[in-house]
Amino acid sequence: MEDVLPLPATLAILAASLAAGGYLLWLERRPHEFGRVRLVPTTPLLFLVMVVIILMGAHLLTLFGASPRGPSY
């Protein structure tokens, strides 16, 4: 059975998510100018990036042989 999402694609999505998370975290921690509205909602996007990072990490573990369920007796 072929992998639906191969290892290079998984690593690319994980790297892009980490880079986007770092950029969004930098945007979140910048000082806020009074009277200026931020156009990018960084908090929900950070949450979305964290979900993608967790999913790609779990998928990476399954590609390396971890089983998503426990042993069957």
PDB file of N, CA and C in Angstrom:
ATOM      1  N   MET A   1       0.837  -1.181   0.000  1.00  0.00           N
ATOM      2  CA  MET A   1       0.000   0.000   0.000  1.00  0.00           C
ATOM      3  C   MET A   1       0.881   1.244   0.000  1.00  0.00           C
ATOM      4  N   GLU A   2       0.606   2.133  -0.911  1.00  0.00           N
ATOM      5  CA  GLU A   2       1.388   3.365  -0.980  1.00  0.00           C
ATOM      6  C   GLU A   2       0.935   4.345   0.091  1.00  0.00           C
ATOM      7  N   ASP A   3       1.891   5.150   0.548  1.00  0.00           N
ATOM      8  CA  ASP A   3       1.544   6.182   1.513  1.00  0.00           C
ATOM      9  C   ASP A   3       0.736   7.268   0.826  1.00  0.00           C
ATOM     10  N   VAL A   4      -0.294   7.733   1.508  1.00  0.00           N
ATOM     11  CA  VAL A   4      -1.105   8.809   0.956  1.00  0.00           C
ATOM     12  C   VAL A   4      -0.308  10.110   0.985  1.00  0.00           C
ATOM     13  N   LEU A   5       0.423  10.316   2.050  1.00  0.00           N
ATOM     14  CA  LEU A   5       1.263  11.495   2.199  1.00  0.00           C
ATOM     15  C   LEU A   5       2.687  11.010   2.480  1.00  0.00           C
ATOM     16  N   PRO A   6       3.577  11.052   1.488  1.00  0.00           N
ATOM     17  CA  PRO A   6       4.926  10.504   1.679  1.00  0.00           C
ATOM     18  C   PRO A   6       5.770  11.362   2.634  1.00  0.00           C
ATOM     19  N   LEU A   7       6.907  10.824   2.988  1.00  0.00           N
ATOM     20  CA  LEU A   7       7.792  11.473   3.960  1.00  0.00           C
ATOM     21  C   LEU A   7       8.237  12.876   3.536  1.00  0.00           C
ATOM     22  N   PRO A   8       8.683  13.108   2.297  1.00  0.00           N
ATOM     23  CA  PRO A   8       9.103  14.472   1.942  1.00  0.00           C
ATOM     24  C   PRO A   8       7.972  15.504   2.057  1.00  0.00           C
ATOM     25  N   ALA A   9       6.766  15.116   1.679  1.00  0.00           N
ATOM     26  CA  ALA A   9       5.634  16.045   1.794  1.00  0.00           C
ATOM     27  C   ALA A   9       5.308  16.321   3.259  1.00  0.00           C
ATOM     28  N   THR A  10       5.380  15.299   4.089  1.00  0.00           N
ATOM     29  CA  THR A  10       5.130  15.475   5.522  1.00  0.00           C
ATOM     30  C   THR A  10       6.152  16.421   6.135  1.00  0.00           C
ATOM     31  N   LEU A  11       7.413  16.225   5.793  1.00  0.00           N
ATOM     32  CA  LEU A  11       8.460  17.100   6.327  1.00  0.00           C
ATOM     33  C   LEU A  11       8.318  18.528   5.807  1.00  0.00           C
ATOM     34  N   ALA A  12       7.898  18.678   4.559  1.00  0.00           N
ATOM     35  CA  ALA A  12       7.707  20.017   4.001  1.00  0.00           C
ATOM     36  C   ALA A  12       6.557  20.744   4.693  1.00  0.00           C
ATOM     37  N   ILE A  13       5.449  20.040   4.919  1.00  0.00           N
ATOM     38  CA  ILE A  13       4.315  20.654   5.620  1.00  0.00           C
ATOM     39  C   ILE A  13       4.691  20.996   7.048  1.00  0.00           C
ATOM     40  N   LEU A  14       5.443  20.111   7.710  1.00  0.00           N
ATOM     41  CA  LEU A  14       5.881  20.368   9.081  1.00  0.00           C
ATOM     42  C   LEU A  14       6.806  21.575   9.139  1.00  0.00           C
ATOM     43  N   ALA A  15       7.753  21.675   8.207  1.00  0.00           N
ATOM     44  CA  ALA A  15       8.671  22.823   8.185  1.00  0.00           C
ATOM     45  C   ALA A  15       7.926  24.122   7.885  1.00  0.00           C
ATOM     46  N   ALA A  16       6.986  24.080   6.950  1.00  0.00           N
ATOM     47  CA  ALA A  16       6.206  25.284   6.627  1.00  0.00           C
ATOM     48  C   ALA A  16       5.347  25.707   7.815  1.00  0.00           C
ATOM     49  N   SER A  17       4.798  24.743   8.535  1.00  0.00           N
ATOM     50  CA  SER A  17       3.990  25.061   9.712  1.00  0.00           C
ATOM     51  C   SER A  17       4.847  25.665  10.819  1.00  0.00           C
ATOM     52  N   LEU A  18       6.036  25.132  11.013  1.00  0.00           N
ATOM     53  CA  LEU A  18       6.929  25.696  12.032  1.00  0.00           C
ATOM     54  C   LEU A  18       7.356  27.116  11.661  1.00  0.00           C
ATOM     55  N   ALA A  19       7.633  27.342  10.375  1.00  0.00           N
ATOM     56  CA  ALA A  19       8.011  28.685   9.936  1.00  0.00           C
ATOM     57  C   ALA A  19       6.840  29.658  10.083  1.00  0.00           C
ATOM     58  N   ALA A  20       5.646  29.230   9.697  1.00  0.00           N
ATOM     59  CA  ALA A  20       4.468  30.087   9.832  1.00  0.00           C
ATOM     60  C   ALA A  20       4.169  30.365  11.303  1.00  0.00           C
ATOM     61  N   GLY A  21       4.354  29.354  12.145  1.00  0.00           N
ATOM     62  CA  GLY A  21       4.145  29.548  13.580  1.00  0.00           C
ATOM     63  C   GLY A  21       5.129  30.537  14.171  1.00  0.00           C
ATOM     64  N   GLY A  22       6.376  30.457  13.744  1.00  0.00           N
ATOM     65  CA  GLY A  22       7.371  31.413  14.223  1.00  0.00           C
ATOM     66  C   GLY A  22       7.060  32.830  13.791  1.00  0.00           C
ATOM     67  N   TYR A  23       6.632  32.980  12.541  1.00  0.00           N
ATOM     68  CA  TYR A  23       6.275  34.312  12.039  1.00  0.00           C
ATOM     69  C   TYR A  23       5.043  34.866  12.766  1.00  0.00           C
ATOM     70  N   LEU A  24       4.033  34.019  12.959  1.00  0.00           N
ATOM     71  CA  LEU A  24       2.835  34.470  13.667  1.00  0.00           C
ATOM     72  C   LEU A  24       3.132  34.803  15.120  1.00  0.00           C
ATOM     73  N   LEU A  25       4.020  34.048  15.746  1.00  0.00           N
ATOM     74  CA  LEU A  25       4.399  34.350  17.122  1.00  0.00           C
ATOM     75  C   LEU A  25       5.148  35.675  17.192  1.00  0.00           C
ATOM     76  N   TRP A  26       5.983  35.938  16.204  1.00  0.00           N
ATOM     77  CA  TRP A  26       6.679  37.227  16.150  1.00  0.00           C
ATOM     78  C   TRP A  26       5.673  38.367  15.982  1.00  0.00           C
ATOM     79  N   LEU A  27       4.668  38.163  15.107  1.00  0.00           N
ATOM     80  CA  LEU A  27       3.637  39.183  14.928  1.00  0.00           C
ATOM     81  C   LEU A  27       2.843  39.403  16.215  1.00  0.00           C
ATOM     82  N   GLU A  28       2.571  38.328  16.939  1.00  0.00           N
ATOM     83  CA  GLU A  28       1.792  38.416  18.174  1.00  0.00           C
ATOM     84  C   GLU A  28       2.534  39.195  19.253  1.00  0.00           C
ATOM     85  N   ARG A  29       3.838  39.041  19.327  1.00  0.00           N
ATOM     86  CA  ARG A  29       4.623  39.656  20.400  1.00  0.00           C
ATOM     87  C   ARG A  29       5.099  41.073  20.092  1.00  0.00           C
ATOM     88  N   ARG A  30       4.848  41.562  18.885  1.00  0.00           N
ATOM     89  CA  ARG A  30       5.230  42.938  18.573  1.00  0.00           C
ATOM     90  C   ARG A  30       4.407  43.902  19.401  1.00  0.00           C
ATOM     91  N   PRO A  31       4.981  45.065  19.730  1.00  0.00           N
ATOM     92  CA  PRO A  31       4.210  46.050  20.491  1.00  0.00           C
ATOM     93  C   PRO A  31       3.009  46.553  19.671  1.00  0.00           C
ATOM     94  N   HIS A  32       1.920  46.741  20.366  1.00  0.00           N
ATOM     95  CA  HIS A  32       0.691  47.186  19.712  1.00  0.00           C
ATOM     96  C   HIS A  32       0.644  48.705  19.666  1.00  0.00           C
ATOM     97  N   GLU A  33       0.382  49.255  18.477  1.00  0.00           N
ATOM     98  CA  GLU A  33       0.230  50.698  18.328  1.00  0.00           C
ATOM     99  C   GLU A  33      -1.210  51.074  18.659  1.00  0.00           C
ATOM    100  N   PHE A  34      -1.372  52.038  19.542  1.00  0.00           N
ATOM    101  CA  PHE A  34      -2.706  52.461  19.935  1.00  0.00           C
ATOM    102  C   PHE A  34      -3.436  53.078  18.739  1.00  0.00           C
ATOM    103  N   GLY A  35      -4.675  52.640  18.508  1.00  0.00           N
ATOM    104  CA  GLY A  35      -5.472  53.178  17.422  1.00  0.00           C
ATOM    105  C   GLY A  35      -5.306  52.466  16.097  1.00  0.00           C
ATOM    106  N   ARG A  36      -4.406  51.517  16.028  1.00  0.00           N
ATOM    107  CA  ARG A  36      -4.186  50.793  14.778  1.00  0.00           C
ATOM    108  C   ARG A  36      -4.708  49.358  14.927  1.00  0.00           C
ATOM    109  N   VAL A  37      -5.544  48.958  13.998  1.00  0.00           N
ATOM    110  CA  VAL A  37      -6.153  47.636  14.047  1.00  0.00           C
ATOM    111  C   VAL A  37      -5.262  46.653  13.287  1.00  0.00           C
ATOM    112  N   ARG A  38      -4.983  45.523  13.913  1.00  0.00           N
ATOM    113  CA  ARG A  38      -4.210  44.479  13.232  1.00  0.00           C
ATOM    114  C   ARG A  38      -5.128  43.709  12.290  1.00  0.00           C
ATOM    115  N   LEU A  39      -4.692  43.522  11.070  1.00  0.00           N
ATOM    116  CA  LEU A  39      -5.532  42.890  10.062  1.00  0.00           C
ATOM    117  C   LEU A  39      -5.433  41.364  10.068  1.00  0.00           C
ATOM    118  N   VAL A  40      -4.396  40.824  10.698  1.00  0.00           N
ATOM    119  CA  VAL A  40      -4.206  39.374  10.738  1.00  0.00           C
ATOM    120  C   VAL A  40      -4.534  38.885  12.148  1.00  0.00           C
ATOM    121  N   PRO A  41      -5.549  38.015  12.287  1.00  0.00           N
ATOM    122  CA  PRO A  41      -5.877  37.481  13.611  1.00  0.00           C
ATOM    123  C   PRO A  41      -4.878  36.386  13.995  1.00  0.00           C
ATOM    124  N   THR A  42      -3.837  36.763  14.717  1.00  0.00           N
ATOM    125  CA  THR A  42      -2.736  35.828  14.947  1.00  0.00           C
ATOM    126  C   THR A  42      -3.092  34.698  15.913  1.00  0.00           C
ATOM    127  N   THR A  43      -3.920  34.940  16.907  1.00  0.00           N
ATOM    128  CA  THR A  43      -4.207  33.901  17.899  1.00  0.00           C
ATOM    129  C   THR A  43      -4.918  32.692  17.283  1.00  0.00           C
ATOM    130  N   PRO A  44      -6.005  32.862  16.508  1.00  0.00           N
ATOM    131  CA  PRO A  44      -6.612  31.667  15.900  1.00  0.00           C
ATOM    132  C   PRO A  44      -5.702  30.989  14.878  1.00  0.00           C
ATOM    133  N   LEU A  45      -4.896  31.780  14.178  1.00  0.00           N
ATOM    134  CA  LEU A  45      -3.976  31.179  13.214  1.00  0.00           C
ATOM    135  C   LEU A  45      -2.880  30.384  13.924  1.00  0.00           C
ATOM    136  N   LEU A  46      -2.415  30.867  15.081  1.00  0.00           N
ATOM    137  CA  LEU A  46      -1.444  30.098  15.865  1.00  0.00           C
ATOM    138  C   LEU A  46      -2.047  28.777  16.332  1.00  0.00           C
ATOM    139  N   PHE A  47      -3.306  28.805  16.740  1.00  0.00           N
ATOM    140  CA  PHE A  47      -3.980  27.572  17.140  1.00  0.00           C
ATOM    141  C   PHE A  47      -4.057  26.591  15.973  1.00  0.00           C
ATOM    142  N   LEU A  48      -4.417  27.082  14.795  1.00  0.00           N
ATOM    143  CA  LEU A  48      -4.491  26.238  13.610  1.00  0.00           C
ATOM    144  C   LEU A  48      -3.130  25.649  13.248  1.00  0.00           C
ATOM    145  N   VAL A  49      -2.085  26.464  13.344  1.00  0.00           N
ATOM    146  CA  VAL A  49      -0.725  25.994  13.056  1.00  0.00           C
ATOM    147  C   VAL A  49      -0.311  24.915  14.048  1.00  0.00           C
ATOM    148  N   MET A  50      -0.666  25.091  15.315  1.00  0.00           N
ATOM    149  CA  MET A  50      -0.313  24.073  16.319  1.00  0.00           C
ATOM    150  C   MET A  50      -1.032  22.753  16.044  1.00  0.00           C
ATOM    151  N   VAL A  51      -2.280  22.807  15.593  1.00  0.00           N
ATOM    152  CA  VAL A  51      -3.003  21.582  15.246  1.00  0.00           C
ATOM    153  C   VAL A  51      -2.313  20.881  14.076  1.00  0.00           C
ATOM    154  N   VAL A  52      -1.906  21.634  13.072  1.00  0.00           N
ATOM    155  CA  VAL A  52      -1.215  21.041  11.916  1.00  0.00           C
ATOM    156  C   VAL A  52       0.121  20.434  12.342  1.00  0.00           C
ATOM    157  N   ILE A  53       0.855  21.123  13.230  1.00  0.00           N
ATOM    158  CA  ILE A  53       2.141  20.591  13.708  1.00  0.00           C
ATOM    159  C   ILE A  53       1.938  19.282  14.457  1.00  0.00           C
ATOM    160  N   ILE A  54       0.914  19.221  15.304  1.00  0.00           N
ATOM    161  CA  ILE A  54       0.643  17.985  16.045  1.00  0.00           C
ATOM    162  C   ILE A  54       0.249  16.860  15.097  1.00  0.00           C
ATOM    163  N   LEU A  55      -0.603  17.156  14.114  1.00  0.00           N
ATOM    164  CA  LEU A  55      -1.007  16.122  13.152  1.00  0.00           C
ATOM    165  C   LEU A  55       0.174  15.635  12.311  1.00  0.00           C
ATOM    166  N   MET A  56       1.023  16.536  11.865  1.00  0.00           N
ATOM    167  CA  MET A  56       2.176  16.120  11.065  1.00  0.00           C
ATOM    168  C   MET A  56       3.179  15.339  11.919  1.00  0.00           C
ATOM    169  N   GLY A  57       3.316  15.720  13.181  1.00  0.00           N
ATOM    170  CA  GLY A  57       4.187  14.953  14.077  1.00  0.00           C
ATOM    171  C   GLY A  57       3.676  13.539  14.275  1.00  0.00           C
ATOM    172  N   ALA A  58       2.362  13.393  14.459  1.00  0.00           N
ATOM    173  CA  ALA A  58       1.775  12.055  14.605  1.00  0.00           C
ATOM    174  C   ALA A  58       1.914  11.259  13.320  1.00  0.00           C
ATOM    175  N   HIS A  59       1.726  11.912  12.186  1.00  0.00           N
ATOM    176  CA  HIS A  59       1.878  11.218  10.908  1.00  0.00           C
ATOM    177  C   HIS A  59       3.335  10.804  10.677  1.00  0.00           C
ATOM    178  N   LEU A  60       4.252  11.652  11.095  1.00  0.00           N
ATOM    179  CA  LEU A  60       5.671  11.323  10.971  1.00  0.00           C
ATOM    180  C   LEU A  60       6.014  10.090  11.802  1.00  0.00           C
ATOM    181  N   LEU A  61       5.436   9.999  12.997  1.00  0.00           N
ATOM    182  CA  LEU A  61       5.663   8.814  13.826  1.00  0.00           C
ATOM    183  C   LEU A  61       5.108   7.552  13.166  1.00  0.00           C
ATOM    184  N   THR A  62       3.939   7.655  12.536  1.00  0.00           N
ATOM    185  CA  THR A  62       3.389   6.472  11.869  1.00  0.00           C
ATOM    186  C   THR A  62       4.206   6.085  10.644  1.00  0.00           C
ATOM    187  N   LEU A  63       4.810   7.069   9.978  1.00  0.00           N
ATOM    188  CA  LEU A  63       5.675   6.732   8.848  1.00  0.00           C
ATOM    189  C   LEU A  63       6.926   5.995   9.303  1.00  0.00           C
ATOM    190  N   PHE A  64       7.372   6.257  10.521  1.00  0.00           N
ATOM    191  CA  PHE A  64       8.560   5.591  11.047  1.00  0.00           C
ATOM    192  C   PHE A  64       8.240   4.292  11.773  1.00  0.00           C
ATOM    193  N   GLY A  65       6.970   3.872  11.739  1.00  0.00           N
ATOM    194  CA  GLY A  65       6.641   2.559  12.254  1.00  0.00           C
ATOM    195  C   GLY A  65       5.796   2.515  13.506  1.00  0.00           C
ATOM    196  N   ALA A  66       5.461   3.650  14.084  1.00  0.00           N
ATOM    197  CA  ALA A  66       4.600   3.628  15.266  1.00  0.00           C
ATOM    198  C   ALA A  66       3.181   3.283  14.836  1.00  0.00           C
ATOM    199  N   SER A  67       2.477   2.581  15.686  1.00  0.00           N
ATOM    200  CA  SER A  67       1.125   2.179  15.385  1.00  0.00           C
ATOM    201  C   SER A  67       0.132   3.138  16.048  1.00  0.00           C
ATOM    202  N   PRO A  68      -0.916   3.540  15.327  1.00  0.00           N
ATOM    203  CA  PRO A  68      -1.865   4.467  15.937  1.00  0.00           C
ATOM    204  C   PRO A  68      -2.754   3.822  16.986  1.00  0.00           C
ATOM    205  N   ARG A  69      -2.789   2.520  17.063  1.00  0.00           N
ATOM    206  CA  ARG A  69      -3.552   1.863  18.098  1.00  0.00           C
ATOM    207  C   ARG A  69      -2.671   0.895  18.868  1.00  0.00           C
ATOM    208  N   GLY A  70      -3.144   0.462  19.978  1.00  0.00           N
ATOM    209  CA  GLY A  70      -2.362  -0.429  20.823  1.00  0.00           C
ATOM    210  C   GLY A  70      -2.200  -1.807  20.218  1.00  0.00           C
ATOM    211  N   PRO A  71      -1.398  -2.646  20.867  1.00  0.00           N
ATOM    212  CA  PRO A  71      -1.195  -3.994  20.337  1.00  0.00           C
ATOM    213  C   PRO A  71      -2.482  -4.816  20.447  1.00  0.00           C
ATOM    214  N   SER A  72      -2.722  -5.658  19.469  1.00  0.00           N
ATOM    215  CA  SER A  72      -3.907  -6.523  19.539  1.00  0.00           C
ATOM    216  C   SER A  72      -3.485  -7.871  20.107  1.00  0.00           C
ATOM    217  N   TYR A  73      -4.187  -8.281  21.111  1.00  0.00           N
ATOM    218  CA  TYR A  73      -3.836  -9.531  21.818  1.00  0.00           C
ATOM    219  C   TYR A  73      -4.618 -10.679  21.315  1.00  0.00           C
TER     220      TYR A  73
END
